[in-house]
Amino acid sequence: MKERFELRMDHPSLVGAKVAMDNCLKAMVSKAVETRSMEGTATLKISMEILDVLNEETKEWEKKPSIKFKVGWSVPIKSSAEGKLMDICDGQLVRNPEGNWCLINNQVSMDELMGGDP
C-alpha cells in the first residue's frame, strides 16, 4: 500500500510553492524599504484540478490532482509634490464677457516675455 500524507503547506509536493512564496516575501520587503513605501503585499494562489483517471492495471477510477501555484508581490510606490502657485495678494478672479471666471494676476506670461501679444 502507498504511504498517505495529509495535504498541507509543508507537504513535499508543495515545496516549490513554498520556496517561491519565501522569495516573494524577501523581494517585497526589499522593494518596500528601497522605495520608502514601507508597505507591501505578497500573495500565493494555489489552484487544483481533480481529474478522474482510469488506472489501467487495477481498472479502477482514481482521483488525480493537477496542482498549480502563482506567487506575486506588490509595493505601492507613492509620490507627491506640493507648493503654492498663487497667494491671495497675487491674483484675482473676474468674469469675462461671456460670464466665465478668469484668473488675472501681476505675473508676466511667457508670450509677453518673448515679445508676443499680451
N, C-alpha and C. Protein backbone atom coordinates (compact mmCIF):
# COMPACT_ATOMS: atom_id res chain seq x y z
N MET A 1 0.84 -1.18 0.00
CA MET A 1 0.00 0.00 0.00
C MET A 1 0.89 1.25 0.00
N LYS A 2 0.47 2.26 -0.74
CA LYS A 2 1.22 3.51 -0.82
C LYS A 2 1.08 4.28 0.48
N GLU A 3 2.15 5.02 0.82
CA GLU A 3 2.12 5.85 2.01
C GLU A 3 1.19 7.04 1.79
N ARG A 4 0.44 7.40 2.80
CA ARG A 4 -0.52 8.50 2.69
C ARG A 4 -0.01 9.70 3.48
N PHE A 5 -0.21 10.88 2.91
CA PHE A 5 0.17 12.13 3.54
C PHE A 5 -0.99 13.09 3.46
N GLU A 6 -1.25 13.77 4.54
CA GLU A 6 -2.26 14.82 4.52
C GLU A 6 -1.73 15.99 3.70
N LEU A 7 -2.55 16.53 2.84
CA LEU A 7 -2.14 17.66 2.01
C LEU A 7 -2.09 18.92 2.88
N ARG A 8 -0.89 19.47 3.03
CA ARG A 8 -0.65 20.65 3.85
C ARG A 8 0.41 21.50 3.17
N MET A 9 0.58 22.73 3.63
CA MET A 9 1.59 23.62 3.03
C MET A 9 2.99 23.04 3.13
N ASP A 10 3.27 22.26 4.17
CA ASP A 10 4.61 21.69 4.31
C ASP A 10 4.76 20.32 3.64
N HIS A 11 3.75 19.92 2.84
CA HIS A 11 3.84 18.66 2.10
C HIS A 11 4.92 18.77 1.02
N PRO A 12 5.73 17.73 0.82
CA PRO A 12 6.81 17.80 -0.18
C PRO A 12 6.36 18.20 -1.58
N SER A 13 5.13 17.88 -1.95
CA SER A 13 4.67 18.23 -3.30
C SER A 13 4.46 19.74 -3.46
N LEU A 14 4.36 20.48 -2.36
CA LEU A 14 4.14 21.92 -2.42
C LEU A 14 5.40 22.73 -2.12
N VAL A 15 6.54 22.06 -2.05
CA VAL A 15 7.78 22.75 -1.69
C VAL A 15 8.11 23.86 -2.69
N GLY A 16 7.82 23.66 -3.97
CA GLY A 16 8.07 24.70 -4.98
C GLY A 16 7.29 25.97 -4.71
N ALA A 17 6.04 25.81 -4.29
CA ALA A 17 5.21 26.98 -3.98
C ALA A 17 5.72 27.67 -2.72
N LYS A 18 6.16 26.89 -1.75
CA LYS A 18 6.68 27.46 -0.50
C LYS A 18 7.97 28.25 -0.76
N VAL A 19 8.87 27.70 -1.55
CA VAL A 19 10.12 28.39 -1.88
C VAL A 19 9.84 29.67 -2.65
N ALA A 20 8.92 29.61 -3.63
CA ALA A 20 8.56 30.80 -4.41
C ALA A 20 7.95 31.87 -3.52
N MET A 21 7.12 31.46 -2.56
CA MET A 21 6.50 32.43 -1.65
C MET A 21 7.55 33.06 -0.74
N ASP A 22 8.49 32.26 -0.24
CA ASP A 22 9.57 32.81 0.59
C ASP A 22 10.36 33.86 -0.19
N ASN A 23 10.68 33.57 -1.44
CA ASN A 23 11.41 34.52 -2.29
C ASN A 23 10.59 35.78 -2.56
N CYS A 24 9.29 35.59 -2.73
CA CYS A 24 8.39 36.72 -2.96
C CYS A 24 8.37 37.64 -1.74
N LEU A 25 8.30 37.07 -0.57
CA LEU A 25 8.30 37.88 0.66
C LEU A 25 9.59 38.69 0.78
N LYS A 26 10.72 38.06 0.50
CA LYS A 26 12.00 38.76 0.57
C LYS A 26 12.06 39.91 -0.43
N ALA A 27 11.61 39.66 -1.66
CA ALA A 27 11.63 40.70 -2.70
C ALA A 27 10.70 41.86 -2.33
N MET A 28 9.53 41.53 -1.78
CA MET A 28 8.56 42.57 -1.40
C MET A 28 9.13 43.47 -0.32
N VAL A 29 9.74 42.87 0.70
CA VAL A 29 10.30 43.67 1.79
C VAL A 29 11.44 44.54 1.28
N SER A 30 12.31 43.97 0.44
CA SER A 30 13.43 44.75 -0.10
C SER A 30 12.94 45.95 -0.91
N LYS A 31 11.93 45.74 -1.75
CA LYS A 31 11.41 46.82 -2.59
C LYS A 31 10.69 47.87 -1.74
N ALA A 32 9.97 47.43 -0.71
CA ALA A 32 9.27 48.38 0.16
C ALA A 32 10.26 49.30 0.87
N VAL A 33 11.35 48.75 1.34
CA VAL A 33 12.36 49.56 2.02
C VAL A 33 13.09 50.44 1.01
N GLU A 34 13.45 49.87 -0.14
CA GLU A 34 14.19 50.61 -1.18
C GLU A 34 13.40 51.83 -1.67
N THR A 35 12.10 51.67 -1.85
CA THR A 35 11.27 52.76 -2.37
C THR A 35 10.68 53.64 -1.28
N ARG A 36 10.98 53.33 -0.04
CA ARG A 36 10.46 54.04 1.12
C ARG A 36 8.93 53.97 1.22
N SER A 37 8.35 53.01 0.55
CA SER A 37 6.91 52.80 0.64
C SER A 37 6.56 52.23 2.01
N MET A 38 7.41 51.38 2.51
CA MET A 38 7.30 50.78 3.83
C MET A 38 6.03 49.94 4.01
N GLU A 39 5.48 49.45 2.90
CA GLU A 39 4.36 48.52 2.96
C GLU A 39 4.34 47.71 1.68
N GLY A 40 3.69 46.57 1.72
CA GLY A 40 3.60 45.74 0.53
C GLY A 40 2.70 44.55 0.78
N THR A 41 2.47 43.78 -0.29
CA THR A 41 1.63 42.61 -0.24
C THR A 41 2.30 41.49 -1.01
N ALA A 42 2.30 40.31 -0.43
CA ALA A 42 2.78 39.11 -1.12
C ALA A 42 1.62 38.12 -1.13
N THR A 43 1.41 37.47 -2.27
CA THR A 43 0.28 36.55 -2.38
C THR A 43 0.73 35.21 -2.94
N LEU A 44 0.05 34.18 -2.52
CA LEU A 44 0.23 32.83 -3.03
C LEU A 44 -1.15 32.30 -3.38
N LYS A 45 -1.30 31.86 -4.61
CA LYS A 45 -2.56 31.28 -5.04
C LYS A 45 -2.28 29.86 -5.48
N ILE A 46 -2.97 28.93 -4.88
CA ILE A 46 -2.84 27.52 -5.26
C ILE A 46 -4.16 27.09 -5.88
N SER A 47 -4.07 26.54 -7.08
CA SER A 47 -5.28 26.04 -7.73
C SER A 47 -5.10 24.55 -8.01
N MET A 48 -6.21 23.85 -7.99
CA MET A 48 -6.16 22.41 -8.18
C MET A 48 -7.29 21.98 -9.09
N GLU A 49 -6.95 21.12 -10.02
CA GLU A 49 -7.95 20.48 -10.87
C GLU A 49 -7.88 18.99 -10.56
N ILE A 50 -8.99 18.39 -10.24
CA ILE A 50 -9.02 16.97 -9.87
C ILE A 50 -9.70 16.21 -11.00
N LEU A 51 -8.94 15.31 -11.59
CA LEU A 51 -9.44 14.52 -12.72
C LEU A 51 -9.70 13.08 -12.31
N ASP A 52 -10.73 12.48 -12.87
CA ASP A 52 -10.96 11.05 -12.70
C ASP A 52 -10.20 10.34 -13.82
N VAL A 53 -9.24 9.49 -13.44
CA VAL A 53 -8.37 8.81 -14.40
C VAL A 53 -8.48 7.31 -14.16
N LEU A 54 -8.62 6.55 -15.23
CA LEU A 54 -8.72 5.10 -15.13
C LEU A 54 -7.33 4.50 -14.96
N ASN A 55 -7.13 3.75 -13.89
CA ASN A 55 -5.88 3.03 -13.66
C ASN A 55 -5.92 1.79 -14.53
N GLU A 56 -5.01 1.70 -15.49
CA GLU A 56 -5.01 0.60 -16.45
C GLU A 56 -4.73 -0.75 -15.78
N GLU A 57 -3.96 -0.76 -14.70
CA GLU A 57 -3.63 -2.01 -14.02
C GLU A 57 -4.81 -2.54 -13.20
N THR A 58 -5.41 -1.65 -12.40
CA THR A 58 -6.48 -2.09 -11.50
C THR A 58 -7.87 -1.94 -12.11
N LYS A 59 -7.94 -1.20 -13.22
CA LYS A 59 -9.23 -0.89 -13.87
C LYS A 59 -10.17 -0.12 -12.96
N GLU A 60 -9.60 0.62 -12.01
CA GLU A 60 -10.39 1.45 -11.10
C GLU A 60 -10.15 2.91 -11.43
N TRP A 61 -11.18 3.71 -11.19
CA TRP A 61 -11.05 5.15 -11.38
C TRP A 61 -10.36 5.75 -10.16
N GLU A 62 -9.38 6.61 -10.43
CA GLU A 62 -8.65 7.27 -9.36
C GLU A 62 -8.77 8.79 -9.53
N LYS A 63 -8.72 9.46 -8.43
CA LYS A 63 -8.76 10.93 -8.47
C LYS A 63 -7.31 11.41 -8.53
N LYS A 64 -6.95 12.10 -9.60
CA LYS A 64 -5.59 12.60 -9.80
C LYS A 64 -5.61 14.12 -9.81
N PRO A 65 -4.87 14.73 -8.89
CA PRO A 65 -4.85 16.20 -8.84
C PRO A 65 -3.78 16.78 -9.76
N SER A 66 -4.12 17.91 -10.33
CA SER A 66 -3.15 18.75 -11.03
C SER A 66 -3.08 20.03 -10.21
N ILE A 67 -1.93 20.27 -9.58
CA ILE A 67 -1.80 21.39 -8.66
C ILE A 67 -0.88 22.44 -9.27
N LYS A 68 -1.36 23.66 -9.29
CA LYS A 68 -0.59 24.79 -9.82
C LYS A 68 -0.53 25.88 -8.76
N PHE A 69 0.47 26.74 -8.87
CA PHE A 69 0.56 27.87 -7.96
C PHE A 69 1.02 29.11 -8.70
N LYS A 70 0.71 30.24 -8.09
CA LYS A 70 1.15 31.53 -8.62
C LYS A 70 1.47 32.41 -7.43
N VAL A 71 2.65 33.01 -7.44
CA VAL A 71 3.02 33.94 -6.37
C VAL A 71 3.23 35.32 -6.98
N GLY A 72 3.06 36.32 -6.16
CA GLY A 72 3.28 37.68 -6.65
C GLY A 72 3.45 38.63 -5.48
N TRP A 73 3.98 39.77 -5.77
CA TRP A 73 4.13 40.80 -4.74
C TRP A 73 3.90 42.15 -5.36
N SER A 74 3.51 43.09 -4.51
CA SER A 74 3.34 44.46 -4.97
C SER A 74 3.70 45.40 -3.84
N VAL A 75 4.25 46.51 -4.23
CA VAL A 75 4.62 47.56 -3.30
C VAL A 75 4.08 48.85 -3.88
N PRO A 76 3.17 49.51 -3.16
CA PRO A 76 2.67 50.77 -3.69
C PRO A 76 3.77 51.83 -3.65
N ILE A 77 4.03 52.40 -4.78
CA ILE A 77 5.03 53.46 -4.85
C ILE A 77 4.29 54.77 -4.87
N LYS A 78 4.50 55.52 -3.83
CA LYS A 78 3.78 56.77 -3.68
C LYS A 78 4.73 57.93 -3.94
N SER A 79 4.19 58.96 -4.51
CA SER A 79 4.98 60.16 -4.77
C SER A 79 4.05 61.35 -4.62
N SER A 80 4.61 62.44 -4.20
CA SER A 80 3.78 63.63 -4.10
C SER A 80 4.65 64.87 -4.23
N ALA A 81 4.00 65.95 -4.51
CA ALA A 81 4.66 67.25 -4.58
C ALA A 81 3.65 68.28 -4.11
N GLU A 82 4.15 69.34 -3.55
CA GLU A 82 3.23 70.39 -3.15
C GLU A 82 3.93 71.73 -3.25
N GLY A 83 3.16 72.75 -3.34
CA GLY A 83 3.67 74.11 -3.42
C GLY A 83 2.52 75.07 -3.49
N LYS A 84 2.82 76.32 -3.57
CA LYS A 84 1.80 77.34 -3.67
C LYS A 84 2.01 78.05 -5.00
N LEU A 85 0.98 78.02 -5.82
CA LEU A 85 1.09 78.64 -7.14
C LEU A 85 0.75 80.13 -7.09
N MET A 86 -0.11 80.49 -6.17
CA MET A 86 -0.53 81.88 -6.12
C MET A 86 -1.02 82.19 -4.72
N ASP A 87 -0.66 83.35 -4.22
CA ASP A 87 -1.13 83.78 -2.91
C ASP A 87 -2.33 84.70 -3.12
N ILE A 88 -3.05 84.95 -2.09
CA ILE A 88 -4.25 85.80 -2.19
C ILE A 88 -3.93 87.15 -2.81
N CYS A 89 -2.76 87.70 -2.50
CA CYS A 89 -2.44 89.04 -3.00
C CYS A 89 -1.90 89.03 -4.43
N ASP A 90 -1.64 87.82 -5.00
CA ASP A 90 -1.04 87.74 -6.33
C ASP A 90 -2.05 87.74 -7.48
N GLY A 91 -3.29 87.46 -7.22
CA GLY A 91 -4.24 87.35 -8.32
C GLY A 91 -5.65 87.68 -7.91
N GLN A 92 -6.52 87.63 -8.92
CA GLN A 92 -7.92 87.96 -8.69
C GLN A 92 -8.76 87.18 -9.67
N LEU A 93 -9.95 86.75 -9.23
CA LEU A 93 -10.90 86.09 -10.12
C LEU A 93 -11.90 87.13 -10.61
N VAL A 94 -12.09 87.19 -11.92
CA VAL A 94 -13.05 88.12 -12.52
C VAL A 94 -13.83 87.37 -13.59
N ARG A 95 -14.99 87.88 -13.93
CA ARG A 95 -15.79 87.28 -15.01
C ARG A 95 -15.41 87.91 -16.33
N ASN A 96 -15.29 87.09 -17.36
CA ASN A 96 -15.04 87.61 -18.71
C ASN A 96 -16.37 88.00 -19.35
N PRO A 97 -16.36 88.57 -20.55
CA PRO A 97 -17.62 89.00 -21.17
C PRO A 97 -18.65 87.88 -21.35
N GLU A 98 -18.19 86.63 -21.45
CA GLU A 98 -19.12 85.50 -21.59
C GLU A 98 -19.67 85.03 -20.25
N GLY A 99 -19.17 85.58 -19.15
CA GLY A 99 -19.65 85.21 -17.82
C GLY A 99 -18.84 84.12 -17.14
N ASN A 100 -17.77 83.63 -17.78
CA ASN A 100 -16.93 82.61 -17.17
C ASN A 100 -15.89 83.24 -16.26
N TRP A 101 -15.51 82.51 -15.22
CA TRP A 101 -14.50 83.01 -14.30
C TRP A 101 -13.12 82.91 -14.92
N CYS A 102 -12.34 83.96 -14.78
CA CYS A 102 -10.97 84.01 -15.30
C CYS A 102 -10.06 84.47 -14.17
N LEU A 103 -8.82 84.09 -14.27
CA LEU A 103 -7.83 84.46 -13.29
C LEU A 103 -6.93 85.52 -13.89
N ILE A 104 -6.76 86.60 -13.17
CA ILE A 104 -5.79 87.63 -13.60
C ILE A 104 -4.79 87.81 -12.47
N ASN A 105 -3.54 88.06 -12.87
CA ASN A 105 -2.53 88.31 -11.86
C ASN A 105 -1.47 89.24 -12.43
N ASN A 106 -0.51 89.58 -11.61
CA ASN A 106 0.52 90.53 -12.00
C ASN A 106 1.74 89.86 -12.62
N GLN A 107 1.70 88.54 -12.79
CA GLN A 107 2.85 87.85 -13.36
C GLN A 107 2.89 88.07 -14.86
N VAL A 108 4.09 88.09 -15.40
CA VAL A 108 4.28 88.24 -16.84
C VAL A 108 4.21 86.86 -17.47
N SER A 109 3.42 86.73 -18.56
CA SER A 109 3.30 85.43 -19.23
C SER A 109 4.51 85.20 -20.12
N MET A 110 4.73 83.96 -20.54
CA MET A 110 5.84 83.63 -21.44
C MET A 110 5.68 84.37 -22.76
N ASP A 111 4.44 84.51 -23.26
CA ASP A 111 4.21 85.23 -24.52
C ASP A 111 4.64 86.68 -24.40
N GLU A 112 4.28 87.31 -23.27
CA GLU A 112 4.67 88.70 -23.06
C GLU A 112 6.19 88.83 -22.95
N LEU A 113 6.81 87.87 -22.28
CA LEU A 113 8.25 87.89 -22.10
C LEU A 113 8.97 87.75 -23.44
N MET A 114 8.42 86.95 -24.32
CA MET A 114 9.04 86.69 -25.63
C MET A 114 8.67 87.75 -26.68
N GLY A 115 7.86 88.71 -26.29
CA GLY A 115 7.52 89.79 -27.21
C GLY A 115 6.24 89.57 -27.99
N GLY A 116 5.46 88.58 -27.61
CA GLY A 116 4.19 88.32 -28.29
C GLY A 116 3.10 89.22 -27.76
N ASP A 117 1.87 88.93 -28.19
CA ASP A 117 0.73 89.71 -27.75
C ASP A 117 0.45 89.42 -26.28
N PRO A 118 0.17 90.49 -25.48
CA PRO A 118 -0.18 90.28 -24.07
C PRO A 118 -1.57 89.73 -23.93
